[in-house]
Amino acid sequence: MKNILPQTSVDFYLSGENAAVLYSRSPVDLDCQRRIWAIAQVIISEAVCIDVVPGMNNLTLIFDPELQQGQALLARLKTLWELVEIEQFTPREVQIPVHYGGEYGPDLAAVAVHTGLSEQAVIAAHSQAEYRVYFLGFQPGFAYLGGLPATLATPRRAEPRLEVAAGSVGIGGQQTGIYPVTSPGGWQIIGRTDVRLFDLHRRAPSLLQSGDIVRFVPVDASEQMGDKHA
């Protein structure tokens, strides 16, 4: 397939002595993100960096300046930006079981009122959509997901909660996400999963990674919520 570059301005620069950065000035765009993920995958396979960190419209390479030259890495990033095929990146698909509403989703009714939908329609729309992990941030293992149906966009709570349970699934503006650990938070909580999003005992502590496809699967009310180690 022909490699079509995004119509955007891209900056390549060093940040300090040990970081090389690719930064796209384009609006949030899935094709741009797929290109970034594909480049990250190539760099990881080359094993030349200490860490490879994809972000929203950016990619940061952490390297040992005694082993790698920053300018050489910038040149490599420029080459990959022009030549990489976004089809080279093969995303994983991760299914997340969610118990919607009730004690697990205390804001489901508020989201229904705001959107003008029934609670069941909110659940259906949220669980039938396909989401992509754009990047991780805010907390260890917290995935910013793109793909929330516009009909479900709901402002954050006027008063954030002091404690939101780990596994809580929420809507904040035009995004949805899952709280990986118990913490304060202001998103509208519509459900909860018993899958552990972040576990230091796993080889890869964060269950979700940039580029993953995520689907939410409603859990039947009769099923017991437990502690699962995905």
C-alpha atoms as a PDB file:
ATOM      1  CA  MET A   1       0.000   0.000   0.000  1.00  0.00           C
ATOM      2  CA  LYS A   2       1.290   3.448  -0.865  1.00  0.00           C
ATOM      3  CA  ASN A   3       2.831   5.269   2.086  1.00  0.00           C
ATOM      4  CA  ILE A   4       0.928   8.554   2.492  1.00  0.00           C
ATOM      5  CA  LEU A   5       2.459  11.005   4.935  1.00  0.00           C
ATOM      6  CA  PRO A   6       0.112  12.995   7.180  1.00  0.00           C
ATOM      7  CA  GLN A   7      -0.226  16.621   6.084  1.00  0.00           C
ATOM      8  CA  THR A   8       1.398  18.047   9.170  1.00  0.00           C
ATOM      9  CA  SER A   9       4.507  19.784  10.435  1.00  0.00           C
ATOM     10  CA  VAL A  10       6.816  17.561  12.451  1.00  0.00           C
ATOM     11  CA  ASP A  11       9.616  18.636  14.782  1.00  0.00           C
ATOM     12  CA  PHE A  12      12.599  16.484  15.734  1.00  0.00           C
ATOM     13  CA  TYR A  13      14.742  17.658  18.637  1.00  0.00           C
ATOM     14  CA  LEU A  14      16.841  16.636  21.620  1.00  0.00           C
ATOM     15  CA  SER A  15      15.545  17.154  25.143  1.00  0.00           C
ATOM     16  CA  GLY A  16      18.488  17.219  27.505  1.00  0.00           C
ATOM     17  CA  GLU A  17      21.398  14.831  27.026  1.00  0.00           C
ATOM     18  CA  ASN A  18      19.477  11.574  26.799  1.00  0.00           C
ATOM     19  CA  ALA A  19      16.147  12.073  25.031  1.00  0.00           C
ATOM     20  CA  ALA A  20      15.254  12.378  21.345  1.00  0.00           C
ATOM     21  CA  VAL A  21      11.762  13.626  20.543  1.00  0.00           C
ATOM     22  CA  LEU A  22       9.447  13.442  17.531  1.00  0.00           C
ATOM     23  CA  TYR A  23       6.557  15.916  17.822  1.00  0.00           C
ATOM     24  CA  SER A  24       3.708  16.294  15.338  1.00  0.00           C
ATOM     25  CA  ARG A  25       1.791  19.576  15.328  1.00  0.00           C
ATOM     26  CA  SER A  26      -1.306  18.025  13.773  1.00  0.00           C
ATOM     27  CA  PRO A  27      -4.634  17.765  15.587  1.00  0.00           C
ATOM     28  CA  VAL A  28      -5.268  14.384  17.198  1.00  0.00           C
ATOM     29  CA  ASP A  29      -5.381  11.983  14.275  1.00  0.00           C
ATOM     30  CA  LEU A  30      -5.484   8.179  14.260  1.00  0.00           C
ATOM     31  CA  ASP A  31      -3.254   7.816  11.195  1.00  0.00           C
ATOM     32  CA  CYS A  32      -0.640  10.043  12.809  1.00  0.00           C
ATOM     33  CA  GLN A  33      -0.806   7.968  15.983  1.00  0.00           C
ATOM     34  CA  ARG A  34      -0.532   4.727  14.005  1.00  0.00           C
ATOM     35  CA  ARG A  35       2.618   6.056  12.355  1.00  0.00           C
ATOM     36  CA  ILE A  36       4.057   6.917  15.773  1.00  0.00           C
ATOM     37  CA  TRP A  37       3.193   3.446  17.099  1.00  0.00           C
ATOM     38  CA  ALA A  38       4.771   1.802  14.049  1.00  0.00           C
ATOM     39  CA  ILE A  39       7.967   3.831  14.520  1.00  0.00           C
ATOM     40  CA  ALA A  40       8.028   2.931  18.218  1.00  0.00           C
ATOM     41  CA  GLN A  41       7.689  -0.745  17.336  1.00  0.00           C
ATOM     42  CA  VAL A  42      10.657  -0.528  14.952  1.00  0.00           C
ATOM     43  CA  ILE A  43      12.846   1.309  17.491  1.00  0.00           C
ATOM     44  CA  ILE A  44      11.967  -1.218  20.200  1.00  0.00           C
ATOM     45  CA  SER A  45      12.943  -4.077  17.883  1.00  0.00           C
ATOM     46  CA  GLU A  46      16.310  -2.407  17.244  1.00  0.00           C
ATOM     47  CA  ALA A  47      17.065  -2.378  21.002  1.00  0.00           C
ATOM     48  CA  VAL A  48      19.057   0.863  20.831  1.00  0.00           C
ATOM     49  CA  CYS A  49      17.203   2.814  23.544  1.00  0.00           C
ATOM     50  CA  ILE A  50      16.638   2.518  27.266  1.00  0.00           C
ATOM     51  CA  ASP A  51      12.956   3.359  26.828  1.00  0.00           C
ATOM     52  CA  VAL A  52      10.545   4.193  24.010  1.00  0.00           C
ATOM     53  CA  VAL A  53       7.578   6.333  25.075  1.00  0.00           C
ATOM     54  CA  PRO A  54       4.731   6.999  22.605  1.00  0.00           C
ATOM     55  CA  GLY A  55       2.536   9.947  23.563  1.00  0.00           C
ATOM     56  CA  MET A  56      -0.248  11.993  22.003  1.00  0.00           C
ATOM     57  CA  ASN A  57       1.290  13.259  18.750  1.00  0.00           C
ATOM     58  CA  ASN A  58       4.792  12.565  20.028  1.00  0.00           C
ATOM     59  CA  LEU A  59       7.416   9.904  20.572  1.00  0.00           C
ATOM     60  CA  THR A  60      10.284  10.142  23.053  1.00  0.00           C
ATOM     61  CA  LEU A  61      13.374   7.949  22.928  1.00  0.00           C
ATOM     62  CA  ILE A  62      15.399   7.667  26.136  1.00  0.00           C
ATOM     63  CA  PHE A  63      18.984   6.656  25.418  1.00  0.00           C
ATOM     64  CA  ASP A  64      22.411   6.311  26.996  1.00  0.00           C
ATOM     65  CA  PRO A  65      24.529   9.180  25.597  1.00  0.00           C
ATOM     66  CA  GLU A  66      27.657   7.074  26.111  1.00  0.00           C
ATOM     67  CA  LEU A  67      26.297   4.417  23.752  1.00  0.00           C
ATOM     68  CA  GLN A  68      24.145   6.377  21.311  1.00  0.00           C
ATOM     69  CA  GLN A  69      24.464   9.738  19.576  1.00  0.00           C
ATOM     70  CA  GLY A  70      21.392  11.932  19.855  1.00  0.00           C
ATOM     71  CA  GLN A  71      21.755  13.338  16.354  1.00  0.00           C
ATOM     72  CA  ALA A  72      21.910   9.822  14.910  1.00  0.00           C
ATOM     73  CA  LEU A  73      18.646   8.937  16.652  1.00  0.00           C
ATOM     74  CA  LEU A  74      17.001  12.110  15.341  1.00  0.00           C
ATOM     75  CA  ALA A  75      18.110  11.170  11.826  1.00  0.00           C
ATOM     76  CA  ARG A  76      16.660   7.692  12.359  1.00  0.00           C
ATOM     77  CA  LEU A  77      13.348   9.173  13.492  1.00  0.00           C
ATOM     78  CA  LYS A  78      13.193  11.424  10.421  1.00  0.00           C
ATOM     79  CA  THR A  79      13.844   8.478   8.112  1.00  0.00           C
ATOM     80  CA  LEU A  80      11.244   6.292   9.785  1.00  0.00           C
ATOM     81  CA  TRP A  81       8.652   9.083   9.717  1.00  0.00           C
ATOM     82  CA  GLU A  82       9.009   9.254   5.944  1.00  0.00           C
ATOM     83  CA  LEU A  83       9.335   5.551   5.196  1.00  0.00           C
ATOM     84  CA  VAL A  84       7.474   3.519   7.804  1.00  0.00           C
ATOM     85  CA  GLU A  85       4.232   1.855   6.735  1.00  0.00           C
ATOM     86  CA  ILE A  86       1.475   2.288   9.290  1.00  0.00           C
ATOM     87  CA  GLU A  87       0.304  -1.216   8.378  1.00  0.00           C
ATOM     88  CA  GLN A  88       3.526  -2.482   9.990  1.00  0.00           C
ATOM     89  CA  PHE A  89       1.914  -1.877  13.356  1.00  0.00           C
ATOM     90  CA  THR A  90      -0.370  -4.729  14.380  1.00  0.00           C
ATOM     91  CA  PRO A  91      -2.500  -3.774  17.384  1.00  0.00           C
ATOM     92  CA  ARG A  92      -3.636  -6.155  20.088  1.00  0.00           C
ATOM     93  CA  GLU A  93      -7.326  -6.412  20.913  1.00  0.00           C
ATOM     94  CA  VAL A  94      -8.165  -6.407  24.610  1.00  0.00           C
ATOM     95  CA  GLN A  95     -11.638  -7.134  25.966  1.00  0.00           C
ATOM     96  CA  ILE A  96     -12.521  -5.570  29.315  1.00  0.00           C
ATOM     97  CA  PRO A  97     -15.531  -7.025  31.189  1.00  0.00           C
ATOM     98  CA  VAL A  98     -17.533  -4.240  32.848  1.00  0.00           C
ATOM     99  CA  HIS A  99     -20.310  -4.320  35.417  1.00  0.00           C
ATOM    100  CA  TYR A 100     -22.328  -1.232  34.451  1.00  0.00           C
ATOM    101  CA  GLY A 101     -24.525   0.811  36.781  1.00  0.00           C
ATOM    102  CA  GLY A 102     -25.665   0.143  40.325  1.00  0.00           C
ATOM    103  CA  GLU A 103     -22.998   0.410  43.019  1.00  0.00           C
ATOM    104  CA  TYR A 104     -20.314   0.020  40.344  1.00  0.00           C
ATOM    105  CA  GLY A 105     -21.558   2.860  38.138  1.00  0.00           C
ATOM    106  CA  PRO A 106     -23.008   5.590  40.379  1.00  0.00           C
ATOM    107  CA  ASP A 107     -22.993   8.210  37.590  1.00  0.00           C
ATOM    108  CA  LEU A 108     -24.709   6.132  34.918  1.00  0.00           C
ATOM    109  CA  ALA A 109     -28.034   7.864  35.593  1.00  0.00           C
ATOM    110  CA  ALA A 110     -26.408  11.317  35.362  1.00  0.00           C
ATOM    111  CA  VAL A 111     -24.815  10.434  32.014  1.00  0.00           C
ATOM    112  CA  ALA A 112     -28.183   9.184  30.773  1.00  0.00           C
ATOM    113  CA  VAL A 113     -29.866  12.446  31.762  1.00  0.00           C
ATOM    114  CA  HIS A 114     -27.129  14.577  30.175  1.00  0.00           C
ATOM    115  CA  THR A 115     -27.158  12.653  26.897  1.00  0.00           C
ATOM    116  CA  GLY A 116     -30.922  12.197  26.717  1.00  0.00           C
ATOM    117  CA  LEU A 117     -30.493   8.438  26.436  1.00  0.00           C
ATOM    118  CA  SER A 118     -31.801   5.653  28.607  1.00  0.00           C
ATOM    119  CA  GLU A 119     -29.312   3.922  30.888  1.00  0.00           C
ATOM    120  CA  GLN A 120     -29.488   0.804  28.722  1.00  0.00           C
ATOM    121  CA  ALA A 121     -28.811   2.901  25.612  1.00  0.00           C
ATOM    122  CA  VAL A 122     -25.740   4.428  27.295  1.00  0.00           C
ATOM    123  CA  ILE A 123     -24.454   0.948  28.138  1.00  0.00           C
ATOM    124  CA  ALA A 124     -25.126  -0.296  24.611  1.00  0.00           C
ATOM    125  CA  ALA A 125     -23.381   2.653  22.961  1.00  0.00           C
ATOM    126  CA  HIS A 126     -20.400   2.495  25.307  1.00  0.00           C
ATOM    127  CA  SER A 127     -19.892  -1.257  24.944  1.00  0.00           C
ATOM    128  CA  GLN A 128     -20.452  -1.449  21.185  1.00  0.00           C
ATOM    129  CA  ALA A 129     -17.771   1.109  20.315  1.00  0.00           C
ATOM    130  CA  GLU A 130     -14.184   0.264  19.406  1.00  0.00           C
ATOM    131  CA  TYR A 131     -11.563   2.241  21.324  1.00  0.00           C
ATOM    132  CA  ARG A 132      -7.856   2.838  20.740  1.00  0.00           C
ATOM    133  CA  VAL A 133      -5.258   3.481  23.411  1.00  0.00           C
ATOM    134  CA  TYR A 134      -3.692   6.764  22.317  1.00  0.00           C
ATOM    135  CA  PHE A 135      -1.209   6.935  25.171  1.00  0.00           C
ATOM    136  CA  LEU A 136      -0.678   6.163  28.855  1.00  0.00           C
ATOM    137  CA  GLY A 137      -0.487   8.855  31.515  1.00  0.00           C
ATOM    138  CA  PHE A 138      -2.035  10.566  34.558  1.00  0.00           C
ATOM    139  CA  GLN A 139      -1.452   7.409  36.621  1.00  0.00           C
ATOM    140  CA  PRO A 140       0.630   4.276  35.998  1.00  0.00           C
ATOM    141  CA  GLY A 141      -1.428   2.159  33.617  1.00  0.00           C
ATOM    142  CA  PHE A 142      -4.072   4.814  32.886  1.00  0.00           C
ATOM    143  CA  ALA A 143      -4.952   4.604  29.191  1.00  0.00           C
ATOM    144  CA  TYR A 144      -6.385   7.578  27.319  1.00  0.00           C
ATOM    145  CA  LEU A 145      -8.870   6.020  24.929  1.00  0.00           C
ATOM    146  CA  GLY A 146     -10.063   7.511  21.649  1.00  0.00           C
ATOM    147  CA  GLY A 147     -13.325   6.413  20.082  1.00  0.00           C
ATOM    148  CA  LEU A 148     -16.027   7.455  22.545  1.00  0.00           C
ATOM    149  CA  PRO A 149     -19.270   7.994  20.595  1.00  0.00           C
ATOM    150  CA  ALA A 150     -20.061  11.717  20.431  1.00  0.00           C
ATOM    151  CA  THR A 151     -23.527  10.999  21.826  1.00  0.00           C
ATOM    152  CA  LEU A 152     -21.943   9.919  25.129  1.00  0.00           C
ATOM    153  CA  ALA A 153     -19.707  12.962  25.701  1.00  0.00           C
ATOM    154  CA  THR A 154     -20.415  14.229  29.228  1.00  0.00           C
ATOM    155  CA  PRO A 155     -18.602  16.889  31.294  1.00  0.00           C
ATOM    156  CA  ARG A 156     -16.650  15.794  34.321  1.00  0.00           C
ATOM    157  CA  ARG A 157     -18.261  16.017  37.736  1.00  0.00           C
ATOM    158  CA  ALA A 158     -18.474  19.498  39.242  1.00  0.00           C
ATOM    159  CA  GLU A 159     -17.077  18.051  42.477  1.00  0.00           C
ATOM    160  CA  PRO A 160     -14.439  15.333  42.048  1.00  0.00           C
ATOM    161  CA  ARG A 161     -14.626  12.335  44.357  1.00  0.00           C
ATOM    162  CA  LEU A 162     -11.907  11.937  46.961  1.00  0.00           C
ATOM    163  CA  GLU A 163     -11.752   8.225  46.176  1.00  0.00           C
ATOM    164  CA  VAL A 164     -12.568   6.341  42.985  1.00  0.00           C
ATOM    165  CA  ALA A 165     -12.157   2.572  43.146  1.00  0.00           C
ATOM    166  CA  ALA A 166      -9.553   0.827  41.010  1.00  0.00           C
ATOM    167  CA  GLY A 167     -11.157  -0.565  37.859  1.00  0.00           C
ATOM    168  CA  SER A 168     -13.779   2.186  37.657  1.00  0.00           C
ATOM    169  CA  VAL A 169     -14.815   2.986  34.084  1.00  0.00           C
ATOM    170  CA  GLY A 170     -15.610   6.636  33.513  1.00  0.00           C
ATOM    171  CA  ILE A 171     -16.449   9.298  30.973  1.00  0.00           C
ATOM    172  CA  GLY A 172     -14.706  12.664  31.084  1.00  0.00           C
ATOM    173  CA  GLY A 173     -15.698  15.046  28.302  1.00  0.00           C
ATOM    174  CA  GLN A 174     -15.072  13.302  24.975  1.00  0.00           C
ATOM    175  CA  GLN A 175     -12.975  10.496  26.428  1.00  0.00           C
ATOM    176  CA  THR A 176     -13.508   7.317  28.369  1.00  0.00           C
ATOM    177  CA  GLY A 177     -11.003   5.545  30.573  1.00  0.00           C
ATOM    178  CA  ILE A 178     -10.387   3.096  33.400  1.00  0.00           C
ATOM    179  CA  TYR A 179      -8.878   4.034  36.760  1.00  0.00           C
ATOM    180  CA  PRO A 180      -6.010   1.550  37.266  1.00  0.00           C
ATOM    181  CA  VAL A 181      -5.637   2.280  40.987  1.00  0.00           C
ATOM    182  CA  THR A 182      -7.844   3.756  43.692  1.00  0.00           C
ATOM    183  CA  SER A 183      -7.429   7.528  43.612  1.00  0.00           C
ATOM    184  CA  PRO A 184      -9.288  10.853  43.604  1.00  0.00           C
ATOM    185  CA  GLY A 185     -11.069  11.561  40.326  1.00  0.00           C
ATOM    186  CA  GLY A 186     -13.690  13.666  38.607  1.00  0.00           C
ATOM    187  CA  TRP A 187     -14.859  11.489  35.728  1.00  0.00           C
ATOM    188  CA  GLN A 188     -18.442  10.261  35.518  1.00  0.00           C
ATOM    189  CA  ILE A 189     -18.276   6.647  36.722  1.00  0.00           C
ATOM    190  CA  ILE A 190     -20.583   4.347  34.755  1.00  0.00           C
ATOM    191  CA  GLY A 191     -19.171   0.940  35.661  1.00  0.00           C
ATOM    192  CA  ARG A 192     -16.278  -1.087  37.003  1.00  0.00           C
ATOM    193  CA  THR A 193     -14.088  -3.935  35.868  1.00  0.00           C
ATOM    194  CA  ASP A 194     -12.398  -6.518  38.075  1.00  0.00           C
ATOM    195  CA  VAL A 195      -9.466  -6.801  35.663  1.00  0.00           C
ATOM    196  CA  ARG A 196      -6.238  -5.386  37.067  1.00  0.00           C
ATOM    197  CA  LEU A 197      -5.017  -2.611  34.795  1.00  0.00           C
ATOM    198  CA  PHE A 198      -1.699  -2.208  36.603  1.00  0.00           C
ATOM    199  CA  ASP A 199       0.217  -4.884  38.486  1.00  0.00           C
ATOM    200  CA  LEU A 200       3.910  -4.615  39.353  1.00  0.00           C
ATOM    201  CA  HIS A 201       4.120  -8.408  39.590  1.00  0.00           C
ATOM    202  CA  ARG A 202       3.438  -8.802  35.870  1.00  0.00           C
ATOM    203  CA  ARG A 203       6.253  -8.759  33.333  1.00  0.00           C
ATOM    204  CA  ALA A 204       4.489  -5.807  31.695  1.00  0.00           C
ATOM    205  CA  PRO A 205       2.856  -4.011  34.670  1.00  0.00           C
ATOM    206  CA  SER A 206       0.398  -2.067  32.496  1.00  0.00           C
ATOM    207  CA  LEU A 207      -2.244  -4.277  30.888  1.00  0.00           C
ATOM    208  CA  LEU A 208      -2.969  -1.753  28.139  1.00  0.00           C
ATOM    209  CA  GLN A 209      -0.349  -0.373  25.769  1.00  0.00           C
ATOM    210  CA  SER A 210      -0.366   2.426  23.205  1.00  0.00           C
ATOM    211  CA  GLY A 211      -2.141   1.341  20.033  1.00  0.00           C
ATOM    212  CA  ASP A 212      -4.237  -1.413  21.625  1.00  0.00           C
ATOM    213  CA  ILE A 213      -7.837  -1.872  20.510  1.00  0.00           C
ATOM    214  CA  VAL A 214     -10.136  -1.991  23.535  1.00  0.00           C
ATOM    215  CA  ARG A 215     -13.674  -3.319  23.716  1.00  0.00           C
ATOM    216  CA  PHE A 216     -15.889  -3.203  26.794  1.00  0.00           C
ATOM    217  CA  VAL A 217     -18.035  -6.271  27.443  1.00  0.00           C
ATOM    218  CA  PRO A 218     -21.054  -5.878  29.764  1.00  0.00           C
ATOM    219  CA  VAL A 219     -21.031  -8.303  32.688  1.00  0.00           C
ATOM    220  CA  ASP A 220     -24.356  -9.928  33.509  1.00  0.00           C
ATOM    221  CA  ALA A 221     -25.756  -8.667  36.802  1.00  0.00           C
ATOM    222  CA  SER A 222     -25.790 -12.227  38.146  1.00  0.00           C
ATOM    223  CA  GLU A 223     -22.036 -12.643  37.687  1.00  0.00           C
ATOM    224  CA  GLN A 224     -19.869 -12.118  40.745  1.00  0.00           C
ATOM    225  CA  MET A 225     -17.272  -9.367  40.591  1.00  0.00           C
ATOM    226  CA  GLY A 226     -13.930 -10.801  41.674  1.00  0.00           C
ATOM    227  CA  ASP A 227     -10.244  -9.993  41.547  1.00  0.00           C
ATOM    228  CA  LYS A 228      -8.830 -10.991  38.177  1.00  0.00           C
ATOM    229  CA  HIS A 229      -5.198 -10.751  37.163  1.00  0.00           C
ATOM    230  CA  ALA A 230      -5.538 -10.208  33.420  1.00  0.00           C
END
